[in-house]
Amino acid sequence: MSQKRPYSLFLLLVLLSFSLFQAWDSVKAEGEGDQVYIIPVKKTVEQGMAAFLKRTTDEAFENGADHIIFEIDTPGGRVDAANDIGEIFQDLDIPNTAFITSRAYSAGSYIALNADQIYMKPQATMGASGVINSDGTAADKKAQSAWISAMVAAAESNGRDPLYARAMADSSVDLPKYNAGKGKFLTLGPREAEEVGYAEGIVEDRTELLNELNLSGATIVETSPTLAENLARFLTDPVVIPILLSIASLGLVVELYSPGFGIPGIMGLLSLVLFFYGHIVAGLAGYEAIILLVLGIALIIAELFLPGGIAGIAGIVAIVSSLMLSSADMGHMALSIGISLIVTIIVSIILFKTLGMEKGFFRHIILNDATSTEKGYVSSASRLELIGMVGKTLTPLRPAGTAEFDGERLDVVTEGNFIAANQRVKVLKTEGSRIVVREFHEEQNEEEKE
């Protein structure tokens, strides 16, 4: 009996080890050792956000992340940026969750629908995804149709009923139960989203969400935009772009009217630098755009010294091309350029009228000197002393001819009538080299005296 005890003790140890292994495996199932990336999707959706999400998702993949949580709170933004973000989600091989903490409107709802699963806070909403132009008006039917198709495809890609995605982007879809249709876009609260399968659950905070995902023991990696990415997001905002271009053009024009190189020129150049810096960081502009910009400026400067106008036109085309190459939306960039052009023309006219062209850079290329009497330039002698003198015509005046006054032969002209030769004439007025005479009679002289 005593010989069996070692075997019994060994069997007990094996069973105990197996139980401990199961317990450890249970802990592992709650996310122990996993790595979860938290990526914020906040504020306006624009190209800067797309660049940030591309960087952070690539970083998560390279570091072997087990899950990504996108914390969404956005009023929406640009369609082109949303489409780029949708492609990032579609190419993502890491399980991911959209966690709507407040709003997921317009482009925000499209981003959420591209995620593997969606969770919402109790006060969160999603939807209201109608596409509009930058001026607040409804987009054309072609743009609306493309956006509705994108919303539907995003829902279907993750097994969600596309009807509700369509209703979010198409106000003609009638869903009276959810107060949609008749000109209203669908907006879902958390209970409604859960009911139609657009949310897997409702959670109070990130901790509860991690519990729901069985990742409570995971290592959390918080991400945030770098200073350069934050600056790029601001500089690529659709409202900021026309302001930057207007400041750039105004600064350079004002500099032309100002002596030396000062604050206006610095502001203009700085605005251009900020514009291209933001678009380069956002991945929109390349070095070819910078080369075109520099070439355009050089051609415009050359135009000031070359005849023909060809260099100036080529310079303008190069600059506009560089701006277009830096934009993801040609229409919006054309609008921004148009706004800055109008502002520049108006201010240039004001400067021309108030300051003139005698200051600044133009003083080097515009002739300001004039031939005046004060400077010793005289086009003809002033003969005011002849007024009232009486002489005799040497030739017929038809109406111009020659007359003699005090022995001096002068070219004269009548008021339009004919005067024969050897007739007495009187000088009425002188206008530079033009001497106007009239036929003179003694009786006329007596009448004038009386």
Protein backbone atom coordinates (compact mmCIF):
# COMPACT_ATOMS: atom_id res chain seq x y z
CA MET A 1 0.00 0.00 0.00
CA SER A 2 2.87 2.31 0.81
CA GLN A 3 4.39 1.64 -2.62
CA LYS A 4 1.27 3.03 -4.30
CA ARG A 5 1.41 6.35 -2.47
CA PRO A 6 4.16 7.88 -4.65
CA TYR A 7 2.10 7.07 -7.74
CA SER A 8 -1.04 8.55 -6.18
CA LEU A 9 0.90 11.69 -5.21
CA PHE A 10 2.27 12.01 -8.75
CA LEU A 11 -1.22 11.66 -10.22
CA LEU A 12 -2.50 14.31 -7.82
CA LEU A 13 0.25 16.71 -8.89
CA VAL A 14 -0.57 16.14 -12.57
CA LEU A 15 -4.25 16.87 -11.96
CA LEU A 16 -3.37 19.97 -9.95
CA SER A 17 -1.03 21.23 -12.71
CA PHE A 18 -3.75 20.67 -15.31
CA SER A 19 -6.23 22.67 -13.20
CA LEU A 20 -3.73 25.49 -12.80
CA PHE A 21 -3.11 25.49 -16.55
CA GLN A 22 -6.85 25.78 -17.20
CA ALA A 23 -7.08 28.68 -14.75
CA TRP A 24 -4.16 30.44 -16.43
CA ASP A 25 -5.70 29.83 -19.82
CA SER A 26 -8.94 31.36 -18.52
CA VAL A 27 -7.05 34.49 -17.50
CA LYS A 28 -5.37 34.58 -20.92
CA ALA A 29 -8.81 34.45 -22.53
CA GLU A 30 -9.59 37.77 -20.86
CA GLY A 31 -6.85 39.41 -22.86
CA GLU A 32 -3.77 38.89 -20.74
CA GLY A 33 -0.76 39.49 -22.97
CA ASP A 34 -2.83 41.00 -25.79
CA GLN A 35 -2.14 44.46 -27.13
CA VAL A 36 -4.97 46.90 -27.91
CA TYR A 37 -4.42 50.12 -29.85
CA ILE A 38 -6.75 53.04 -29.07
CA ILE A 39 -6.99 55.39 -32.07
CA PRO A 40 -9.10 58.58 -31.77
CA VAL A 41 -11.29 59.68 -34.70
CA LYS A 42 -12.26 63.14 -33.56
CA LYS A 43 -13.17 66.56 -35.01
CA THR A 44 -13.61 67.16 -38.73
CA VAL A 45 -12.86 64.36 -41.18
CA GLU A 46 -10.23 65.64 -43.64
CA GLN A 47 -7.07 64.43 -45.32
CA GLY A 48 -4.97 65.09 -42.24
CA MET A 49 -7.09 62.57 -40.34
CA ALA A 50 -6.65 60.02 -43.12
CA ALA A 51 -2.86 60.44 -42.90
CA PHE A 52 -2.99 60.02 -39.10
CA LEU A 53 -5.11 56.84 -39.31
CA LYS A 54 -2.82 55.40 -41.97
CA ARG A 55 0.24 55.96 -39.78
CA THR A 56 -1.30 54.57 -36.59
CA THR A 57 -2.86 51.47 -38.17
CA ASP A 58 0.45 50.68 -39.89
CA GLU A 59 2.17 51.11 -36.52
CA ALA A 60 -0.36 48.78 -34.88
CA PHE A 61 0.25 46.13 -37.53
CA GLU A 62 4.04 46.39 -37.28
CA ASN A 63 3.90 46.08 -33.46
CA GLY A 64 1.63 43.01 -33.60
CA ALA A 65 -1.50 44.58 -32.12
CA ASP A 66 -4.31 42.11 -31.38
CA HIS A 67 -7.16 44.61 -31.59
CA ILE A 68 -7.79 48.23 -32.56
CA ILE A 69 -10.48 50.40 -31.01
CA PHE A 70 -11.43 53.54 -32.96
CA GLU A 71 -12.98 56.06 -30.56
CA ILE A 72 -15.27 58.16 -32.77
CA ASP A 73 -16.63 61.64 -32.09
CA THR A 74 -16.96 63.64 -35.29
CA PRO A 75 -19.57 65.81 -37.03
CA GLY A 76 -18.34 64.50 -40.39
CA GLY A 77 -16.27 66.15 -43.06
CA ARG A 78 -14.91 65.60 -46.54
CA VAL A 79 -16.17 62.74 -48.67
CA ASP A 80 -12.81 62.17 -50.35
CA ALA A 81 -11.07 61.85 -46.98
CA ALA A 82 -13.80 59.48 -45.75
CA ASN A 83 -13.31 57.29 -48.83
CA ASP A 84 -9.57 57.14 -48.16
CA ILE A 85 -10.23 56.16 -44.53
CA GLY A 86 -12.70 53.51 -45.71
CA GLU A 87 -9.93 51.96 -47.82
CA ILE A 88 -7.66 51.91 -44.75
CA PHE A 89 -10.34 49.97 -42.84
CA GLN A 90 -10.93 47.55 -45.71
CA ASP A 91 -7.20 46.75 -45.91
CA LEU A 92 -6.91 46.29 -42.14
CA ASP A 93 -6.09 42.70 -41.09
CA ILE A 94 -6.42 43.41 -37.35
CA PRO A 95 -9.79 42.87 -35.58
CA ASN A 96 -11.24 46.31 -34.88
CA THR A 97 -14.12 48.04 -33.15
CA ALA A 98 -15.72 51.43 -33.65
CA PHE A 99 -16.58 52.96 -30.26
CA ILE A 100 -18.93 55.93 -30.79
CA THR A 101 -18.46 58.12 -27.72
CA SER A 102 -20.67 61.01 -28.84
CA ARG A 103 -21.34 61.65 -32.56
CA ALA A 104 -20.72 59.72 -35.75
CA TYR A 105 -22.44 61.93 -38.32
CA SER A 106 -22.02 62.01 -42.08
CA ALA A 107 -18.47 60.80 -42.88
CA GLY A 108 -18.22 59.63 -39.26
CA SER A 109 -21.05 57.13 -39.71
CA TYR A 110 -19.38 55.84 -42.89
CA ILE A 111 -16.15 55.27 -40.95
CA ALA A 112 -18.02 53.43 -38.19
CA LEU A 113 -19.81 51.17 -40.70
CA ASN A 114 -16.43 50.06 -42.07
CA ALA A 115 -15.41 48.68 -38.66
CA ASP A 116 -15.84 45.00 -37.75
CA GLN A 117 -18.18 45.87 -34.88
CA ILE A 118 -19.74 48.96 -33.34
CA TYR A 119 -20.34 49.86 -29.70
CA MET A 120 -21.97 53.08 -28.50
CA LYS A 121 -22.19 55.10 -25.34
CA PRO A 122 -25.74 55.59 -23.98
CA GLN A 123 -25.89 59.21 -25.24
CA ALA A 124 -24.19 58.59 -28.61
CA THR A 125 -25.82 58.93 -32.04
CA MET A 126 -24.90 58.02 -35.60
CA GLY A 127 -26.28 58.85 -39.05
CA ALA A 128 -27.41 62.12 -40.69
CA SER A 129 -25.08 61.36 -43.58
CA GLY A 130 -26.43 63.42 -46.47
CA VAL A 131 -23.65 64.74 -48.70
CA ILE A 132 -23.51 68.53 -49.13
CA ASN A 133 -21.26 71.02 -50.90
CA SER A 134 -18.80 73.32 -49.13
CA ASP A 135 -21.37 76.17 -49.34
CA GLY A 136 -23.97 74.14 -47.44
CA THR A 137 -26.17 73.29 -50.43
CA ALA A 138 -27.10 69.77 -51.47
CA ALA A 139 -24.59 68.08 -53.76
CA ASP A 140 -25.56 67.16 -57.31
CA LYS A 141 -27.33 63.86 -57.98
CA LYS A 142 -24.15 62.19 -59.23
CA ALA A 143 -22.26 62.92 -56.01
CA GLN A 144 -25.24 61.89 -53.88
CA SER A 145 -25.63 58.61 -55.74
CA ALA A 146 -21.94 57.78 -55.32
CA TRP A 147 -22.06 58.55 -51.59
CA ILE A 148 -25.22 56.47 -51.02
CA SER A 149 -23.56 53.55 -52.80
CA ALA A 150 -20.47 53.93 -50.58
CA MET A 151 -22.63 53.91 -47.42
CA VAL A 152 -24.51 50.81 -48.57
CA ALA A 153 -21.28 49.00 -49.48
CA ALA A 154 -19.77 49.82 -46.07
CA ALA A 155 -22.79 48.32 -44.29
CA GLU A 156 -22.85 45.20 -46.46
CA SER A 157 -19.11 44.61 -46.03
CA ASN A 158 -19.73 43.81 -42.37
CA GLY A 159 -23.06 41.99 -42.72
CA ARG A 160 -25.34 44.90 -41.75
CA ASP A 161 -28.71 45.62 -43.31
CA PRO A 162 -27.98 48.23 -46.03
CA LEU A 163 -31.46 49.77 -45.77
CA TYR A 164 -30.51 51.86 -42.75
CA ALA A 165 -27.22 52.98 -44.26
CA ARG A 166 -29.16 54.13 -47.32
CA ALA A 167 -31.66 55.98 -45.12
CA MET A 168 -28.77 57.78 -43.40
CA ALA A 169 -27.64 59.22 -46.76
CA ASP A 170 -30.95 59.36 -48.69
CA SER A 171 -33.75 61.46 -47.19
CA SER A 172 -36.31 59.88 -49.55
CA VAL A 173 -36.11 56.50 -47.76
CA ASP A 174 -39.20 56.38 -45.55
CA LEU A 175 -38.67 54.84 -42.11
CA PRO A 176 -41.38 56.44 -39.97
CA LYS A 177 -40.55 54.25 -36.97
CA TYR A 178 -37.14 55.95 -36.77
CA ASN A 179 -38.34 59.42 -37.84
CA ALA A 180 -36.63 59.18 -41.24
CA GLY A 181 -37.93 60.03 -44.69
CA LYS A 182 -39.86 63.03 -46.03
CA GLY A 183 -36.70 65.10 -46.24
CA LYS A 184 -35.07 63.75 -43.07
CA PHE A 185 -31.93 61.63 -42.90
CA LEU A 186 -31.89 58.68 -40.52
CA THR A 187 -30.14 59.20 -37.18
CA LEU A 188 -29.92 56.26 -34.77
CA GLY A 189 -29.55 56.34 -31.02
CA PRO A 190 -27.81 53.43 -29.26
CA ARG A 191 -31.00 51.42 -28.59
CA GLU A 192 -32.19 51.86 -32.16
CA ALA A 193 -28.74 51.01 -33.54
CA GLU A 194 -28.66 47.85 -31.43
CA GLU A 195 -32.17 46.96 -32.58
CA VAL A 196 -31.33 47.16 -36.30
CA GLY A 197 -27.95 45.46 -35.90
CA TYR A 198 -25.84 48.60 -36.28
CA ALA A 199 -24.40 48.27 -32.76
CA GLU A 200 -23.23 45.19 -30.92
CA GLY A 201 -23.82 46.77 -27.55
CA ILE A 202 -24.08 49.84 -25.33
CA VAL A 203 -21.28 50.54 -22.87
CA GLU A 204 -20.59 53.35 -20.42
CA ASP A 205 -16.87 53.70 -20.99
CA ARG A 206 -13.72 52.12 -22.39
CA THR A 207 -13.30 49.78 -19.42
CA GLU A 208 -16.74 48.26 -19.95
CA LEU A 209 -16.02 47.98 -23.67
CA LEU A 210 -12.80 46.04 -22.99
CA ASN A 211 -14.75 43.70 -20.74
CA GLU A 212 -17.29 43.14 -23.53
CA LEU A 213 -14.46 42.35 -25.93
CA ASN A 214 -12.76 40.02 -23.42
CA LEU A 215 -9.74 42.30 -23.45
CA SER A 216 -9.82 43.61 -19.90
CA GLY A 217 -6.31 42.37 -19.19
CA ALA A 218 -4.81 43.61 -22.45
CA THR A 219 -2.02 46.14 -22.70
CA ILE A 220 -3.45 49.47 -23.89
CA VAL A 221 -1.51 51.60 -26.37
CA GLU A 222 -2.91 55.13 -26.62
CA THR A 223 -2.23 57.01 -29.84
CA SER A 224 -2.62 60.68 -30.65
CA PRO A 225 -1.73 62.95 -33.57
CA THR A 226 1.75 64.42 -33.55
CA LEU A 227 2.24 68.18 -33.60
CA ALA A 228 2.93 67.98 -37.34
CA GLU A 229 -0.24 65.93 -37.93
CA ASN A 230 -2.37 68.33 -35.86
CA LEU A 231 -0.97 71.24 -37.84
CA ALA A 232 -1.57 69.39 -41.11
CA ARG A 233 -5.17 68.65 -40.11
CA PHE A 234 -5.73 72.35 -39.45
CA LEU A 235 -4.00 73.51 -42.62
CA THR A 236 -5.91 71.09 -44.87
CA ASP A 237 -9.29 72.08 -43.44
CA PRO A 238 -11.61 73.19 -46.29
CA VAL A 239 -12.24 76.53 -44.56
CA VAL A 240 -8.57 77.27 -43.92
CA ILE A 241 -7.32 76.64 -47.48
CA PRO A 242 -8.93 79.71 -49.15
CA ILE A 243 -7.85 81.88 -46.21
CA LEU A 244 -4.23 80.76 -46.60
CA LEU A 245 -4.27 81.37 -50.36
CA SER A 246 -5.86 84.81 -49.91
CA ILE A 247 -3.25 85.83 -47.33
CA ALA A 248 -0.47 84.54 -49.60
CA SER A 249 -1.62 86.45 -52.67
CA LEU A 250 -2.49 89.60 -50.71
CA GLY A 251 0.82 89.59 -48.87
CA LEU A 252 2.82 89.33 -52.08
CA VAL A 253 0.77 92.02 -53.84
CA VAL A 254 1.01 94.42 -50.91
CA GLU A 255 4.74 93.79 -50.79
CA LEU A 256 5.01 95.05 -54.37
CA TYR A 257 3.51 98.35 -53.22
CA SER A 258 5.71 98.61 -50.13
CA PRO A 259 9.31 99.81 -50.01
CA GLY A 260 11.83 97.07 -49.19
CA PHE A 261 10.81 93.57 -48.08
CA GLY A 262 8.75 93.55 -44.90
CA ILE A 263 5.82 92.06 -43.05
CA PRO A 264 3.42 91.69 -46.03
CA GLY A 265 5.95 89.70 -48.04
CA ILE A 266 6.86 87.55 -45.04
CA MET A 267 3.16 86.80 -44.40
CA GLY A 268 2.62 85.89 -48.04
CA LEU A 269 5.57 83.52 -48.20
CA LEU A 270 4.75 82.01 -44.80
CA SER A 271 1.17 81.30 -45.93
CA LEU A 272 2.45 79.50 -49.02
CA VAL A 273 4.93 77.51 -46.92
CA LEU A 274 2.18 76.52 -44.45
CA PHE A 275 -0.17 75.52 -47.28
CA PHE A 276 2.35 73.18 -48.89
CA TYR A 277 3.70 71.94 -45.54
CA GLY A 278 0.23 70.85 -44.42
CA HIS A 279 -0.49 69.14 -47.73
CA ILE A 280 2.88 67.38 -47.77
CA VAL A 281 2.38 66.01 -44.24
CA ALA A 282 -1.14 64.93 -45.18
CA GLY A 283 0.32 63.05 -48.15
CA LEU A 284 -1.41 65.24 -50.74
CA ALA A 285 1.49 67.24 -52.16
CA GLY A 286 4.77 65.92 -53.51
CA TYR A 287 8.00 67.55 -54.49
CA GLU A 288 6.73 68.02 -58.04
CA ALA A 289 4.22 70.54 -56.69
CA ILE A 290 6.99 72.46 -54.91
CA ILE A 291 9.10 72.50 -58.08
CA LEU A 292 6.17 73.85 -60.10
CA LEU A 293 5.55 76.55 -57.49
CA VAL A 294 9.18 77.74 -57.51
CA LEU A 295 9.25 77.65 -61.31
CA GLY A 296 6.03 79.66 -61.48
CA ILE A 297 7.32 82.37 -59.14
CA ALA A 298 10.57 82.58 -61.12
CA LEU A 299 8.68 82.97 -64.40
CA ILE A 300 6.49 85.75 -63.00
CA ILE A 301 9.56 87.64 -61.77
CA ALA A 302 11.16 87.16 -65.19
CA GLU A 303 8.04 88.62 -66.82
CA LEU A 304 8.80 91.95 -65.16
CA PHE A 305 11.95 92.20 -67.28
CA LEU A 306 10.96 90.35 -70.46
CA PRO A 307 8.55 91.54 -73.19
CA GLY A 308 5.70 89.49 -74.62
CA GLY A 309 3.78 88.21 -71.57
CA ILE A 310 4.53 84.54 -72.29
CA ALA A 311 6.69 84.08 -69.18
CA GLY A 312 4.01 85.59 -66.94
CA ILE A 313 1.25 83.37 -68.36
CA ALA A 314 3.46 80.29 -68.01
CA GLY A 315 4.25 81.28 -64.41
CA ILE A 316 0.57 81.61 -63.50
CA VAL A 317 -0.19 78.24 -65.11
CA ALA A 318 2.68 76.62 -63.16
CA ILE A 319 1.50 78.03 -59.81
CA VAL A 320 -2.14 77.01 -60.39
CA SER A 321 -0.97 73.54 -61.45
CA SER A 322 1.09 73.19 -58.27
CA LEU A 323 -1.98 74.04 -56.18
CA MET A 324 -4.15 71.61 -58.11
CA LEU A 325 -1.59 68.83 -57.70
CA SER A 326 -1.71 69.41 -53.95
CA SER A 327 -5.46 68.95 -53.68
CA ALA A 328 -7.56 65.82 -53.34
CA ASP A 329 -10.61 67.79 -54.54
CA MET A 330 -10.06 69.79 -57.73
CA GLY A 331 -13.43 71.53 -57.39
CA HIS A 332 -12.75 72.83 -53.91
CA MET A 333 -9.24 73.94 -54.86
CA ALA A 334 -10.59 75.81 -57.90
CA LEU A 335 -13.11 77.53 -55.61
CA SER A 336 -10.37 78.45 -53.14
CA ILE A 337 -8.19 79.89 -55.91
CA GLY A 338 -11.16 81.86 -57.24
CA ILE A 339 -11.88 83.35 -53.80
CA SER A 340 -8.26 84.38 -53.29
CA LEU A 341 -8.13 85.86 -56.81
CA ILE A 342 -11.23 88.00 -56.24
CA VAL A 343 -9.93 89.25 -52.89
CA THR A 344 -6.54 90.07 -54.41
CA ILE A 345 -8.05 92.00 -57.35
CA ILE A 346 -10.26 94.09 -55.06
CA VAL A 347 -7.40 94.95 -52.70
CA SER A 348 -5.05 95.65 -55.62
CA ILE A 349 -7.50 98.18 -57.06
CA ILE A 350 -7.79 99.86 -53.66
CA LEU A 351 -4.00 100.01 -53.32
CA PHE A 352 -3.62 101.36 -56.85
CA LYS A 353 -6.05 104.18 -56.17
CA THR A 354 -4.83 105.09 -52.69
CA LEU A 355 -1.08 104.43 -52.84
CA GLY A 356 -0.39 104.75 -56.53
CA MET A 357 2.39 102.89 -58.30
CA GLU A 358 5.31 105.03 -57.15
CA LYS A 359 6.21 102.92 -54.14
CA GLY A 360 7.74 99.55 -53.47
CA PHE A 361 9.02 97.19 -56.13
CA PHE A 362 7.24 99.07 -58.95
CA ARG A 363 9.47 102.10 -58.41
CA HIS A 364 12.29 100.10 -60.05
CA ILE A 365 10.40 99.26 -63.25
CA ILE A 366 8.02 102.21 -63.79
CA LEU A 367 9.22 105.56 -65.13
CA ASN A 368 7.99 108.26 -62.76
CA ASP A 369 9.95 111.24 -64.17
CA ALA A 370 8.15 113.78 -66.33
CA THR A 371 9.40 116.65 -68.51
CA SER A 372 8.15 119.78 -66.82
CA THR A 373 8.91 123.47 -67.00
CA GLU A 374 10.12 123.40 -63.40
CA LYS A 375 12.83 120.87 -64.41
CA GLY A 376 13.89 122.95 -67.40
CA TYR A 377 11.99 121.02 -70.08
CA VAL A 378 10.06 123.36 -72.46
CA SER A 379 8.27 121.99 -75.51
CA SER A 380 7.92 125.48 -77.06
CA ALA A 381 8.44 129.09 -76.05
CA SER A 382 5.50 130.77 -74.40
CA ARG A 383 4.54 133.87 -76.50
CA LEU A 384 2.05 135.50 -74.21
CA GLU A 385 3.63 138.91 -74.97
CA LEU A 386 2.22 138.75 -78.50
CA ILE A 387 -1.39 138.95 -77.33
CA GLY A 388 -2.89 142.26 -78.57
CA MET A 389 -0.11 143.02 -81.04
CA VAL A 390 -1.07 144.07 -84.57
CA GLY A 391 0.86 142.90 -87.62
CA LYS A 392 0.49 142.20 -91.33
CA THR A 393 -0.07 138.94 -93.17
CA LEU A 394 2.72 137.95 -95.50
CA THR A 395 0.79 135.06 -97.05
CA PRO A 396 -2.91 134.29 -97.33
CA LEU A 397 -4.25 132.61 -94.18
CA ARG A 398 -6.30 129.55 -95.23
CA PRO A 399 -6.63 129.51 -92.17
CA ALA A 400 -2.88 129.04 -91.48
CA GLY A 401 -0.11 131.12 -92.94
CA THR A 402 2.64 133.63 -92.07
CA ALA A 403 2.40 137.09 -90.58
CA GLU A 404 4.90 139.70 -89.44
CA PHE A 405 4.84 141.36 -86.03
CA ASP A 406 7.44 143.98 -85.17
CA GLY A 407 9.70 142.59 -87.89
CA GLU A 408 9.36 138.97 -86.68
CA ARG A 409 7.91 136.38 -89.05
CA LEU A 410 5.55 134.00 -87.25
CA ASP A 411 3.35 131.09 -88.24
CA VAL A 412 -0.22 132.02 -87.35
CA VAL A 413 -3.72 130.63 -87.71
CA THR A 414 -7.12 132.33 -87.95
CA GLU A 415 -10.29 131.40 -86.10
CA GLY A 416 -11.31 129.52 -89.23
CA ASN A 417 -11.95 132.27 -91.77
CA PHE A 418 -9.86 133.31 -94.78
CA ILE A 419 -7.61 136.37 -94.64
CA ALA A 420 -5.79 137.62 -97.75
CA ALA A 421 -2.13 138.66 -97.86
CA ASN A 422 -1.03 142.19 -96.85
CA GLN A 423 -3.92 142.52 -94.41
CA ARG A 424 -3.60 143.79 -90.90
CA VAL A 425 -4.20 141.17 -88.19
CA LYS A 426 -4.33 141.21 -84.40
CA VAL A 427 -3.14 138.44 -82.08
CA LEU A 428 -6.07 137.16 -79.99
CA LYS A 429 -4.38 134.39 -78.00
CA THR A 430 -1.41 132.02 -77.90
CA GLU A 431 -1.58 128.30 -77.06
CA GLY A 432 1.99 127.04 -76.90
CA SER A 433 3.30 127.38 -80.44
CA ARG A 434 -0.16 128.13 -81.83
CA ILE A 435 -0.86 131.84 -82.43
CA VAL A 436 -4.47 132.77 -83.21
CA VAL A 437 -5.14 136.02 -85.13
CA ARG A 438 -8.10 137.99 -86.42
CA GLU A 439 -8.32 140.57 -89.21
CA PHE A 440 -7.87 144.08 -87.76
CA HIS A 441 -9.57 147.39 -88.81
CA GLU A 442 -9.08 150.87 -87.34
CA GLU A 443 -12.81 151.29 -86.66
CA GLN A 444 -12.73 148.07 -84.61
CA ASN A 445 -9.89 149.51 -82.57
CA GLU A 446 -11.85 152.71 -81.90
CA GLU A 447 -14.89 150.69 -80.76
CA GLU A 448 -12.73 148.68 -78.39
CA LYS A 449 -11.32 151.88 -76.90
CA GLU A 450 -14.81 153.35 -76.37
